[in-house]
Amino acid sequence: MKPVLLLASCVVLLGACRWQAPRYPVAPVELSGATLRDNALLGLAPEGVATLFSAALKDSGRFVQKGEDAPREERPWRLTLDVPFTREVLKDGDPRSFAEVGANLILERFGERLPQRYELVGLGEAPVEEDSPAGRQKAMREALANVLHQVTESAVMQLTALGRTDDELVQDLQATDARVREFGLRTLAERQHPSAAPLLIERLKEATDAETVRKTMGSLVEMKAPVAVPVLIDLARGRDLGFVQEIVFAVGEIGGPEAEAYLYTMAQGHDAPAVQAAAQQALDTLYASRKQHSTLEARGPGRAD
């Protein structure tokens, strides 16, 4: 090979190595939940599902198994897979039935400054082409394979987002893939980046299911975003007492003058004693937190207890 061609080949190889996608250390897969026990629709033991998921992780080329005793910088992510349901459904306009399998995947890692925990959800489906027990089982296993592939992709996207800069994540908010936008927003909210709050508030206004509302509220509370307080107050109107109590505590966690005024009004004048008590408790916690913060500021950074 000529020297020039040899040099060019080396440059290409070095570039490929430099831009090779990272591989994430993971511990062996754990299963949770009761759906996989004696599931006639799948006809697979839990160990079989764990084997299929481990194969999906390996096939992605983005994961490598590590033990819990790995060095700190290679500490593995713990993966817990739950299959909450397997079912057969009908769809409008289609004579066939469809097998559906749901999956929840928890990513956890400990030993850092703070524990990390992320939940991913997926839904796999496949048409039942043959109206027989064997045909249904085949479709159910195809749906399982699809959802395992789906949560594997989601895990890669979530872990990729954790390694991106704030500026890169802000750009991801414009991505065509909804999952890229979701994981970018989730990571920015975790970092308390100011660009995340308006998007979370918009989601809170548009959300119709309770799970999305609660998760969005949780993200805004973690960010301690004062701009969310009036939206949460509006959200409480006409809701059941249990949900109003949740909002009361969320407002108290965020804090600020508007939150304090709202909690005082609720503690003094709400019709339900349970809501009054919750508001007073949140208000007392808010006062205590503010007092502690003022004491620490007065002591200064060089003072010790």
C-alpha atoms as a PDB file:
ATOM      1  CA  MET A   1       0.000   0.000   0.000  1.00  0.00           C
ATOM      2  CA  LYS A   2       1.305   3.453  -0.863  1.00  0.00           C
ATOM      3  CA  PRO A   3       2.302   5.687   2.080  1.00  0.00           C
ATOM      4  CA  VAL A   4      -0.401   8.261   1.246  1.00  0.00           C
ATOM      5  CA  LEU A   5      -3.126   5.606   1.172  1.00  0.00           C
ATOM      6  CA  LEU A   6      -1.798   4.050   4.364  1.00  0.00           C
ATOM      7  CA  LEU A   7      -1.900   7.420   6.127  1.00  0.00           C
ATOM      8  CA  ALA A   8      -5.455   8.066   4.904  1.00  0.00           C
ATOM      9  CA  SER A   9      -6.577   4.641   6.140  1.00  0.00           C
ATOM     10  CA  CYS A  10      -5.100   5.324   9.574  1.00  0.00           C
ATOM     11  CA  VAL A  11      -6.899   8.665   9.773  1.00  0.00           C
ATOM     12  CA  VAL A  12     -10.220   7.010   8.890  1.00  0.00           C
ATOM     13  CA  LEU A  13      -9.712   4.268  11.483  1.00  0.00           C
ATOM     14  CA  LEU A  14      -8.729   6.759  14.168  1.00  0.00           C
ATOM     15  CA  GLY A  15     -11.800   8.844  13.387  1.00  0.00           C
ATOM     16  CA  ALA A  16     -14.037   5.800  13.578  1.00  0.00           C
ATOM     17  CA  CYS A  17     -12.591   4.858  16.976  1.00  0.00           C
ATOM     18  CA  ARG A  18     -12.937   8.398  18.260  1.00  0.00           C
ATOM     19  CA  TRP A  19     -16.600   8.641  17.262  1.00  0.00           C
ATOM     20  CA  GLN A  20     -17.562   5.124  18.240  1.00  0.00           C
ATOM     21  CA  ALA A  21     -20.795   5.164  20.241  1.00  0.00           C
ATOM     22  CA  PRO A  22     -20.193   4.585  23.970  1.00  0.00           C
ATOM     23  CA  ARG A  23     -21.063   1.269  25.577  1.00  0.00           C
ATOM     24  CA  TYR A  24     -22.853   1.329  28.905  1.00  0.00           C
ATOM     25  CA  PRO A  25     -22.016  -1.086  31.748  1.00  0.00           C
ATOM     26  CA  VAL A  26     -25.030  -3.049  33.020  1.00  0.00           C
ATOM     27  CA  ALA A  27     -25.584  -5.717  35.653  1.00  0.00           C
ATOM     28  CA  PRO A  28     -27.503  -8.913  34.834  1.00  0.00           C
ATOM     29  CA  VAL A  29     -31.205  -8.275  34.176  1.00  0.00           C
ATOM     30  CA  GLU A  30     -33.636  -8.629  37.076  1.00  0.00           C
ATOM     31  CA  LEU A  31     -37.360  -9.325  36.677  1.00  0.00           C
ATOM     32  CA  SER A  32     -40.216  -8.069  38.845  1.00  0.00           C
ATOM     33  CA  GLY A  33     -43.997  -8.471  38.892  1.00  0.00           C
ATOM     34  CA  ALA A  34     -46.291 -11.476  38.679  1.00  0.00           C
ATOM     35  CA  THR A  35     -47.405 -11.341  35.039  1.00  0.00           C
ATOM     36  CA  LEU A  36     -44.647 -13.641  33.798  1.00  0.00           C
ATOM     37  CA  ARG A  37     -45.463 -16.441  36.213  1.00  0.00           C
ATOM     38  CA  ASP A  38     -47.530 -19.179  34.541  1.00  0.00           C
ATOM     39  CA  ASN A  39     -48.395 -16.912  31.610  1.00  0.00           C
ATOM     40  CA  ALA A  40     -50.103 -19.188  29.114  1.00  0.00           C
ATOM     41  CA  LEU A  41     -50.274 -16.455  26.463  1.00  0.00           C
ATOM     42  CA  LEU A  42     -46.485 -16.242  26.271  1.00  0.00           C
ATOM     43  CA  GLY A  43     -45.607 -19.779  27.259  1.00  0.00           C
ATOM     44  CA  LEU A  44     -42.253 -18.560  28.583  1.00  0.00           C
ATOM     45  CA  ALA A  45     -40.736 -18.833  32.037  1.00  0.00           C
ATOM     46  CA  PRO A  46     -39.354 -15.602  33.570  1.00  0.00           C
ATOM     47  CA  GLU A  47     -35.846 -16.863  32.875  1.00  0.00           C
ATOM     48  CA  GLY A  48     -36.690 -17.098  29.199  1.00  0.00           C
ATOM     49  CA  VAL A  49     -37.851 -13.488  29.115  1.00  0.00           C
ATOM     50  CA  ALA A  50     -34.668 -12.399  30.913  1.00  0.00           C
ATOM     51  CA  THR A  51     -32.608 -14.278  28.325  1.00  0.00           C
ATOM     52  CA  LEU A  52     -34.465 -12.583  25.457  1.00  0.00           C
ATOM     53  CA  PHE A  53     -33.937  -9.149  26.980  1.00  0.00           C
ATOM     54  CA  SER A  54     -30.246  -9.809  27.615  1.00  0.00           C
ATOM     55  CA  ALA A  55     -29.957 -10.805  23.954  1.00  0.00           C
ATOM     56  CA  ALA A  56     -31.680  -7.564  22.890  1.00  0.00           C
ATOM     57  CA  LEU A  57     -29.203  -5.561  24.962  1.00  0.00           C
ATOM     58  CA  LYS A  58     -26.286  -7.438  23.421  1.00  0.00           C
ATOM     59  CA  ASP A  59     -27.617  -7.089  19.871  1.00  0.00           C
ATOM     60  CA  SER A  60     -27.837  -3.318  20.284  1.00  0.00           C
ATOM     61  CA  GLY A  61     -24.059  -3.193  20.653  1.00  0.00           C
ATOM     62  CA  ARG A  62     -24.401  -0.477  23.295  1.00  0.00           C
ATOM     63  CA  PHE A  63     -24.238  -2.455  26.540  1.00  0.00           C
ATOM     64  CA  VAL A  64     -21.580  -4.523  28.252  1.00  0.00           C
ATOM     65  CA  GLN A  65     -22.109  -6.642  31.348  1.00  0.00           C
ATOM     66  CA  LYS A  66     -20.174  -5.708  34.469  1.00  0.00           C
ATOM     67  CA  GLY A  67     -20.228  -7.009  38.015  1.00  0.00           C
ATOM     68  CA  GLU A  68     -21.223  -4.949  41.042  1.00  0.00           C
ATOM     69  CA  ASP A  69     -17.559  -4.934  42.098  1.00  0.00           C
ATOM     70  CA  ALA A  70     -16.503  -2.968  38.992  1.00  0.00           C
ATOM     71  CA  PRO A  71     -14.464   0.234  39.487  1.00  0.00           C
ATOM     72  CA  ARG A  72     -16.449   3.361  40.326  1.00  0.00           C
ATOM     73  CA  GLU A  73     -16.100   4.807  36.829  1.00  0.00           C
ATOM     74  CA  GLU A  74     -17.477   1.542  35.381  1.00  0.00           C
ATOM     75  CA  ARG A  75     -20.182   0.946  37.970  1.00  0.00           C
ATOM     76  CA  PRO A  76     -22.998  -0.846  36.147  1.00  0.00           C
ATOM     77  CA  TRP A  77     -26.575   0.227  35.728  1.00  0.00           C
ATOM     78  CA  ARG A  78     -29.023  -2.119  37.415  1.00  0.00           C
ATOM     79  CA  LEU A  79     -31.856  -3.089  35.043  1.00  0.00           C
ATOM     80  CA  THR A  80     -35.201  -4.245  36.432  1.00  0.00           C
ATOM     81  CA  LEU A  81     -37.777  -5.366  33.863  1.00  0.00           C
ATOM     82  CA  ASP A  82     -41.484  -5.706  34.569  1.00  0.00           C
ATOM     83  CA  VAL A  83     -44.071  -6.957  32.069  1.00  0.00           C
ATOM     84  CA  PRO A  84     -47.288  -5.581  33.601  1.00  0.00           C
ATOM     85  CA  PHE A  85     -49.687  -7.063  31.046  1.00  0.00           C
ATOM     86  CA  THR A  86     -50.138  -9.349  28.056  1.00  0.00           C
ATOM     87  CA  ARG A  87     -53.444  -9.049  26.228  1.00  0.00           C
ATOM     88  CA  GLU A  88     -55.287  -9.529  22.965  1.00  0.00           C
ATOM     89  CA  VAL A  89     -57.207  -6.555  21.553  1.00  0.00           C
ATOM     90  CA  LEU A  90     -59.324  -5.589  18.562  1.00  0.00           C
ATOM     91  CA  LYS A  91     -58.807  -2.483  16.441  1.00  0.00           C
ATOM     92  CA  ASP A  92     -61.354  -0.508  14.478  1.00  0.00           C
ATOM     93  CA  GLY A  93     -61.359  -1.380  10.792  1.00  0.00           C
ATOM     94  CA  ASP A  94     -59.133  -4.469  11.118  1.00  0.00           C
ATOM     95  CA  PRO A  95     -60.640  -7.973  11.184  1.00  0.00           C
ATOM     96  CA  ARG A  96     -57.618  -9.387  12.972  1.00  0.00           C
ATOM     97  CA  SER A  97     -56.910  -9.239  16.686  1.00  0.00           C
ATOM     98  CA  PHE A  98     -53.584  -7.985  18.002  1.00  0.00           C
ATOM     99  CA  ALA A  99     -51.313  -9.239  20.747  1.00  0.00           C
ATOM    100  CA  GLU A 100     -50.035  -6.500  23.066  1.00  0.00           C
ATOM    101  CA  VAL A 101     -47.279  -6.700  25.666  1.00  0.00           C
ATOM    102  CA  GLY A 102     -46.383  -3.854  27.998  1.00  0.00           C
ATOM    103  CA  ALA A 103     -42.982  -3.393  29.600  1.00  0.00           C
ATOM    104  CA  ASN A 104     -41.561  -1.145  32.306  1.00  0.00           C
ATOM    105  CA  LEU A 105     -37.796  -0.875  32.626  1.00  0.00           C
ATOM    106  CA  ILE A 106     -36.106   0.711  35.631  1.00  0.00           C
ATOM    107  CA  LEU A 107     -32.512   1.950  35.249  1.00  0.00           C
ATOM    108  CA  GLU A 108     -30.730   2.484  38.568  1.00  0.00           C
ATOM    109  CA  ARG A 109     -27.188   3.256  39.574  1.00  0.00           C
ATOM    110  CA  PHE A 110     -25.835   3.867  43.052  1.00  0.00           C
ATOM    111  CA  GLY A 111     -22.530   5.033  44.445  1.00  0.00           C
ATOM    112  CA  GLU A 112     -22.482   8.433  42.767  1.00  0.00           C
ATOM    113  CA  ARG A 113     -23.068  11.700  44.614  1.00  0.00           C
ATOM    114  CA  LEU A 114     -26.776  11.023  44.226  1.00  0.00           C
ATOM    115  CA  PRO A 115     -28.509   7.756  43.251  1.00  0.00           C
ATOM    116  CA  GLN A 116     -29.822   7.756  39.694  1.00  0.00           C
ATOM    117  CA  ARG A 117     -33.153   6.201  38.746  1.00  0.00           C
ATOM    118  CA  TYR A 118     -35.055   6.352  35.460  1.00  0.00           C
ATOM    119  CA  GLU A 119     -38.244   4.594  34.379  1.00  0.00           C
ATOM    120  CA  LEU A 120     -38.923   3.662  30.756  1.00  0.00           C
ATOM    121  CA  VAL A 121     -42.162   2.264  29.371  1.00  0.00           C
ATOM    122  CA  GLY A 122     -42.950   0.462  26.143  1.00  0.00           C
ATOM    123  CA  LEU A 123     -45.787  -1.272  24.303  1.00  0.00           C
ATOM    124  CA  GLY A 124     -45.166  -4.000  21.751  1.00  0.00           C
ATOM    125  CA  GLU A 125     -47.799  -5.369  19.411  1.00  0.00           C
ATOM    126  CA  ALA A 126     -48.157  -7.946  16.655  1.00  0.00           C
ATOM    127  CA  PRO A 127     -51.165  -9.144  14.606  1.00  0.00           C
ATOM    128  CA  VAL A 128     -52.647 -12.570  15.291  1.00  0.00           C
ATOM    129  CA  GLU A 129     -52.421 -14.088  11.829  1.00  0.00           C
ATOM    130  CA  GLU A 130     -53.712 -17.548  12.780  1.00  0.00           C
ATOM    131  CA  ASP A 131     -56.846 -18.026  14.893  1.00  0.00           C
ATOM    132  CA  SER A 132     -55.473 -20.799  17.089  1.00  0.00           C
ATOM    133  CA  PRO A 133     -53.625 -21.149  20.423  1.00  0.00           C
ATOM    134  CA  ALA A 134     -50.350 -21.580  18.541  1.00  0.00           C
ATOM    135  CA  GLY A 135     -51.066 -18.524  16.387  1.00  0.00           C
ATOM    136  CA  ARG A 136     -51.887 -16.413  19.429  1.00  0.00           C
ATOM    137  CA  GLN A 137     -48.757 -17.498  21.251  1.00  0.00           C
ATOM    138  CA  LYS A 138     -46.620 -16.714  18.207  1.00  0.00           C
ATOM    139  CA  ALA A 139     -48.103 -13.216  17.983  1.00  0.00           C
ATOM    140  CA  MET A 140     -47.626 -12.672  21.725  1.00  0.00           C
ATOM    141  CA  ARG A 141     -43.949 -13.611  21.504  1.00  0.00           C
ATOM    142  CA  GLU A 142     -43.485 -11.271  18.547  1.00  0.00           C
ATOM    143  CA  ALA A 143     -45.078  -8.482  20.592  1.00  0.00           C
ATOM    144  CA  LEU A 144     -42.726  -9.313  23.463  1.00  0.00           C
ATOM    145  CA  ALA A 145     -39.696  -9.170  21.166  1.00  0.00           C
ATOM    146  CA  ASN A 146     -40.893  -5.808  19.823  1.00  0.00           C
ATOM    147  CA  VAL A 147     -41.321  -4.254  23.261  1.00  0.00           C
ATOM    148  CA  LEU A 148     -37.948  -5.547  24.467  1.00  0.00           C
ATOM    149  CA  HIS A 149     -36.328  -3.938  21.430  1.00  0.00           C
ATOM    150  CA  GLN A 150     -38.284  -0.755  22.131  1.00  0.00           C
ATOM    151  CA  VAL A 151     -37.196  -0.376  25.777  1.00  0.00           C
ATOM    152  CA  THR A 152     -33.621  -1.240  24.781  1.00  0.00           C
ATOM    153  CA  GLU A 153     -33.656   1.687  22.331  1.00  0.00           C
ATOM    154  CA  SER A 154     -35.202   3.918  24.997  1.00  0.00           C
ATOM    155  CA  ALA A 155     -32.477   2.931  27.479  1.00  0.00           C
ATOM    156  CA  VAL A 156     -29.815   3.924  24.940  1.00  0.00           C
ATOM    157  CA  MET A 157     -31.541   7.269  24.366  1.00  0.00           C
ATOM    158  CA  GLN A 158     -31.870   7.969  28.092  1.00  0.00           C
ATOM    159  CA  LEU A 159     -28.244   7.157  28.837  1.00  0.00           C
ATOM    160  CA  THR A 160     -27.107   9.107  25.786  1.00  0.00           C
ATOM    161  CA  ALA A 161     -29.019  12.154  27.058  1.00  0.00           C
ATOM    162  CA  LEU A 162     -27.211  11.929  30.400  1.00  0.00           C
ATOM    163  CA  GLY A 163     -23.886  12.302  28.597  1.00  0.00           C
ATOM    164  CA  ARG A 164     -24.890  15.334  26.526  1.00  0.00           C
ATOM    165  CA  THR A 165     -24.241  18.963  27.336  1.00  0.00           C
ATOM    166  CA  ASP A 166     -27.038  21.389  28.177  1.00  0.00           C
ATOM    167  CA  ASP A 167     -26.703  23.075  24.789  1.00  0.00           C
ATOM    168  CA  GLU A 168     -26.943  19.735  22.994  1.00  0.00           C
ATOM    169  CA  LEU A 169     -30.020  18.792  25.030  1.00  0.00           C
ATOM    170  CA  VAL A 170     -31.700  22.093  24.198  1.00  0.00           C
ATOM    171  CA  GLN A 171     -31.157  21.248  20.531  1.00  0.00           C
ATOM    172  CA  ASP A 172     -32.649  17.791  21.164  1.00  0.00           C
ATOM    173  CA  LEU A 173     -35.906  19.475  22.171  1.00  0.00           C
ATOM    174  CA  GLN A 174     -36.436  20.175  18.450  1.00  0.00           C
ATOM    175  CA  ALA A 175     -35.787  16.563  17.368  1.00  0.00           C
ATOM    176  CA  THR A 176     -38.348  14.785  15.199  1.00  0.00           C
ATOM    177  CA  ASP A 177     -38.204  11.677  17.424  1.00  0.00           C
ATOM    178  CA  ALA A 178     -40.557  12.214  20.386  1.00  0.00           C
ATOM    179  CA  ARG A 179     -38.407   9.994  22.593  1.00  0.00           C
ATOM    180  CA  VAL A 180     -35.311  12.114  21.995  1.00  0.00           C
ATOM    181  CA  ARG A 181     -37.339  15.185  22.981  1.00  0.00           C
ATOM    182  CA  GLU A 182     -38.691  13.417  26.047  1.00  0.00           C
ATOM    183  CA  PHE A 183     -35.316  12.255  27.365  1.00  0.00           C
ATOM    184  CA  GLY A 184     -33.751  15.619  26.598  1.00  0.00           C
ATOM    185  CA  LEU A 185     -36.472  17.396  28.554  1.00  0.00           C
ATOM    186  CA  ARG A 186     -36.225  14.913  31.422  1.00  0.00           C
ATOM    187  CA  THR A 187     -32.472  15.421  31.708  1.00  0.00           C
ATOM    188  CA  LEU A 188     -32.704  19.217  31.493  1.00  0.00           C
ATOM    189  CA  ALA A 189     -35.342  19.196  34.229  1.00  0.00           C
ATOM    190  CA  GLU A 190     -33.090  17.028  36.384  1.00  0.00           C
ATOM    191  CA  ARG A 191     -30.304  19.571  35.892  1.00  0.00           C
ATOM    192  CA  GLN A 192     -32.778  22.393  36.697  1.00  0.00           C
ATOM    193  CA  HIS A 193     -32.084  24.067  33.375  1.00  0.00           C
ATOM    194  CA  PRO A 194     -34.367  27.111  32.873  1.00  0.00           C
ATOM    195  CA  SER A 195     -35.487  26.026  29.389  1.00  0.00           C
ATOM    196  CA  ALA A 196     -37.243  22.981  30.832  1.00  0.00           C
ATOM    197  CA  ALA A 197     -39.796  24.772  33.041  1.00  0.00           C
ATOM    198  CA  PRO A 198     -41.956  26.354  30.276  1.00  0.00           C
ATOM    199  CA  LEU A 199     -42.166  23.038  28.415  1.00  0.00           C
ATOM    200  CA  LEU A 200     -43.117  21.153  31.574  1.00  0.00           C
ATOM    201  CA  ILE A 201     -45.786  23.734  32.374  1.00  0.00           C
ATOM    202  CA  GLU A 202     -47.214  23.391  28.871  1.00  0.00           C
ATOM    203  CA  ARG A 203     -47.316  19.623  29.297  1.00  0.00           C
ATOM    204  CA  LEU A 204     -49.023  20.023  32.667  1.00  0.00           C
ATOM    205  CA  LYS A 205     -51.751  22.142  31.084  1.00  0.00           C
ATOM    206  CA  GLU A 206     -52.342  19.665  28.265  1.00  0.00           C
ATOM    207  CA  ALA A 207     -52.030  16.390  30.199  1.00  0.00           C
ATOM    208  CA  THR A 208     -55.182  14.337  30.558  1.00  0.00           C
ATOM    209  CA  ASP A 209     -53.963  11.244  32.420  1.00  0.00           C
ATOM    210  CA  ALA A 210     -53.092  11.296  36.121  1.00  0.00           C
ATOM    211  CA  GLU A 211     -49.702   9.604  35.703  1.00  0.00           C
ATOM    212  CA  THR A 212     -48.396  12.270  33.307  1.00  0.00           C
ATOM    213  CA  VAL A 213     -49.720  15.035  35.572  1.00  0.00           C
ATOM    214  CA  ARG A 214     -47.995  13.592  38.639  1.00  0.00           C
ATOM    215  CA  LYS A 215     -44.680  12.992  36.873  1.00  0.00           C
ATOM    216  CA  THR A 216     -44.700  16.522  35.437  1.00  0.00           C
ATOM    217  CA  MET A 217     -45.547  17.976  38.834  1.00  0.00           C
ATOM    218  CA  GLY A 218     -42.659  16.004  40.317  1.00  0.00           C
ATOM    219  CA  SER A 219     -40.216  17.421  37.770  1.00  0.00           C
ATOM    220  CA  LEU A 220     -41.364  20.996  38.465  1.00  0.00           C
ATOM    221  CA  VAL A 221     -41.036  20.414  42.210  1.00  0.00           C
ATOM    222  CA  GLU A 222     -37.490  19.094  41.755  1.00  0.00           C
ATOM    223  CA  MET A 223     -36.673  22.229  39.763  1.00  0.00           C
ATOM    224  CA  LYS A 224     -38.357  24.433  42.401  1.00  0.00           C
ATOM    225  CA  ALA A 225     -39.794  26.482  39.541  1.00  0.00           C
ATOM    226  CA  PRO A 226     -41.852  29.403  40.956  1.00  0.00           C
ATOM    227  CA  VAL A 227     -43.490  29.975  37.549  1.00  0.00           C
ATOM    228  CA  ALA A 228     -45.298  26.657  38.067  1.00  0.00           C
ATOM    229  CA  VAL A 229     -47.110  27.782  41.224  1.00  0.00           C
ATOM    230  CA  PRO A 230     -50.029  29.651  39.544  1.00  0.00           C
ATOM    231  CA  VAL A 231     -50.514  26.775  37.100  1.00  0.00           C
ATOM    232  CA  LEU A 232     -50.680  24.277  39.963  1.00  0.00           C
ATOM    233  CA  ILE A 233     -53.147  26.484  41.820  1.00  0.00           C
ATOM    234  CA  ASP A 234     -55.409  26.569  38.745  1.00  0.00           C
ATOM    235  CA  LEU A 235     -55.033  22.803  38.394  1.00  0.00           C
ATOM    236  CA  ALA A 236     -56.452  22.267  41.893  1.00  0.00           C
ATOM    237  CA  ARG A 237     -59.817  23.809  41.040  1.00  0.00           C
ATOM    238  CA  GLY A 238     -62.613  21.266  40.879  1.00  0.00           C
ATOM    239  CA  ARG A 239     -60.354  18.321  41.750  1.00  0.00           C
ATOM    240  CA  ASP A 240     -60.924  15.676  44.412  1.00  0.00           C
ATOM    241  CA  LEU A 241     -59.548  16.313  47.897  1.00  0.00           C
ATOM    242  CA  GLY A 242     -56.715  13.805  47.597  1.00  0.00           C
ATOM    243  CA  PHE A 243     -55.347  15.475  44.491  1.00  0.00           C
ATOM    244  CA  VAL A 244     -55.741  18.939  46.046  1.00  0.00           C
ATOM    245  CA  GLN A 245     -53.602  17.770  48.954  1.00  0.00           C
ATOM    246  CA  GLU A 246     -50.919  16.599  46.502  1.00  0.00           C
ATOM    247  CA  ILE A 247     -50.923  20.027  44.870  1.00  0.00           C
ATOM    248  CA  VAL A 248     -50.731  21.733  48.256  1.00  0.00           C
ATOM    249  CA  PHE A 249     -47.573  19.823  49.128  1.00  0.00           C
ATOM    250  CA  ALA A 250     -46.101  20.430  45.651  1.00  0.00           C
ATOM    251  CA  VAL A 251     -46.694  24.181  45.987  1.00  0.00           C
ATOM    252  CA  GLY A 252     -45.090  24.100  49.429  1.00  0.00           C
ATOM    253  CA  GLU A 253     -42.008  22.318  48.097  1.00  0.00           C
ATOM    254  CA  ILE A 254     -41.545  24.948  45.391  1.00  0.00           C
ATOM    255  CA  GLY A 255     -42.047  27.861  47.779  1.00  0.00           C
ATOM    256  CA  GLY A 256     -42.010  31.588  47.109  1.00  0.00           C
ATOM    257  CA  PRO A 257     -44.383  34.446  48.022  1.00  0.00           C
ATOM    258  CA  GLU A 258     -47.241  33.234  45.819  1.00  0.00           C
ATOM    259  CA  ALA A 259     -46.968  29.724  47.233  1.00  0.00           C
ATOM    260  CA  GLU A 260     -46.929  31.075  50.780  1.00  0.00           C
ATOM    261  CA  ALA A 261     -50.030  33.220  50.211  1.00  0.00           C
ATOM    262  CA  TYR A 262     -51.903  30.292  48.666  1.00  0.00           C
ATOM    263  CA  LEU A 263     -51.024  27.923  51.512  1.00  0.00           C
ATOM    264  CA  TYR A 264     -52.055  30.489  54.118  1.00  0.00           C
ATOM    265  CA  THR A 265     -55.440  30.974  52.411  1.00  0.00           C
ATOM    266  CA  MET A 266     -56.009  27.215  52.148  1.00  0.00           C
ATOM    267  CA  ALA A 267     -54.985  26.621  55.763  1.00  0.00           C
ATOM    268  CA  GLN A 268     -57.366  29.290  57.011  1.00  0.00           C
ATOM    269  CA  GLY A 269     -60.360  28.972  54.732  1.00  0.00           C
ATOM    270  CA  HIS A 270     -60.698  25.682  52.840  1.00  0.00           C
ATOM    271  CA  ASP A 271     -63.908  23.778  53.502  1.00  0.00           C
ATOM    272  CA  ALA A 272     -62.194  20.414  54.025  1.00  0.00           C
ATOM    273  CA  PRO A 273     -60.301  19.939  57.329  1.00  0.00           C
ATOM    274  CA  ALA A 274     -57.898  17.486  55.616  1.00  0.00           C
ATOM    275  CA  VAL A 275     -56.884  20.118  53.065  1.00  0.00           C
ATOM    276  CA  GLN A 276     -56.541  22.747  55.808  1.00  0.00           C
ATOM    277  CA  ALA A 277     -54.242  20.431  57.747  1.00  0.00           C
ATOM    278  CA  ALA A 278     -52.168  19.644  54.648  1.00  0.00           C
ATOM    279  CA  ALA A 279     -51.809  23.341  53.820  1.00  0.00           C
ATOM    280  CA  GLN A 280     -50.771  24.180  57.389  1.00  0.00           C
ATOM    281  CA  GLN A 281     -48.221  21.365  57.380  1.00  0.00           C
ATOM    282  CA  ALA A 282     -46.790  22.564  54.038  1.00  0.00           C
ATOM    283  CA  LEU A 283     -46.741  26.129  55.348  1.00  0.00           C
ATOM    284  CA  ASP A 284     -44.898  25.137  58.531  1.00  0.00           C
ATOM    285  CA  THR A 285     -42.338  23.218  56.456  1.00  0.00           C
ATOM    286  CA  LEU A 286     -41.907  26.227  54.189  1.00  0.00           C
ATOM    287  CA  TYR A 287     -41.357  28.559  57.170  1.00  0.00           C
ATOM    288  CA  ALA A 288     -38.832  26.150  58.716  1.00  0.00           C
ATOM    289  CA  SER A 289     -36.929  25.805  55.451  1.00  0.00           C
ATOM    290  CA  ARG A 290     -36.780  29.567  54.991  1.00  0.00           C
ATOM    291  CA  LYS A 291     -35.595  30.076  58.575  1.00  0.00           C
ATOM    292  CA  GLN A 292     -32.865  27.460  58.161  1.00  0.00           C
ATOM    293  CA  HIS A 293     -31.756  29.041  54.886  1.00  0.00           C
ATOM    294  CA  SER A 294     -31.571  32.494  56.517  1.00  0.00           C
ATOM    295  CA  THR A 295     -29.528  31.088  59.428  1.00  0.00           C
ATOM    296  CA  LEU A 296     -27.019  29.460  57.078  1.00  0.00           C
ATOM    297  CA  GLU A 297     -26.652  32.687  55.089  1.00  0.00           C
ATOM    298  CA  ALA A 298     -26.064  34.646  58.274  1.00  0.00           C
ATOM    299  CA  ARG A 299     -23.341  32.256  59.387  1.00  0.00           C
ATOM    300  CA  GLY A 300     -21.516  32.509  56.094  1.00  0.00           C
ATOM    301  CA  PRO A 301     -19.601  29.768  54.263  1.00  0.00           C
ATOM    302  CA  GLY A 302     -16.716  29.684  56.735  1.00  0.00           C
ATOM    303  CA  ARG A 303     -18.739  29.043  59.891  1.00  0.00           C
ATOM    304  CA  ALA A 304     -19.221  25.569  61.338  1.00  0.00           C
ATOM    305  CA  ASP A 305     -21.857  24.332  63.779  1.00  0.00           C
END
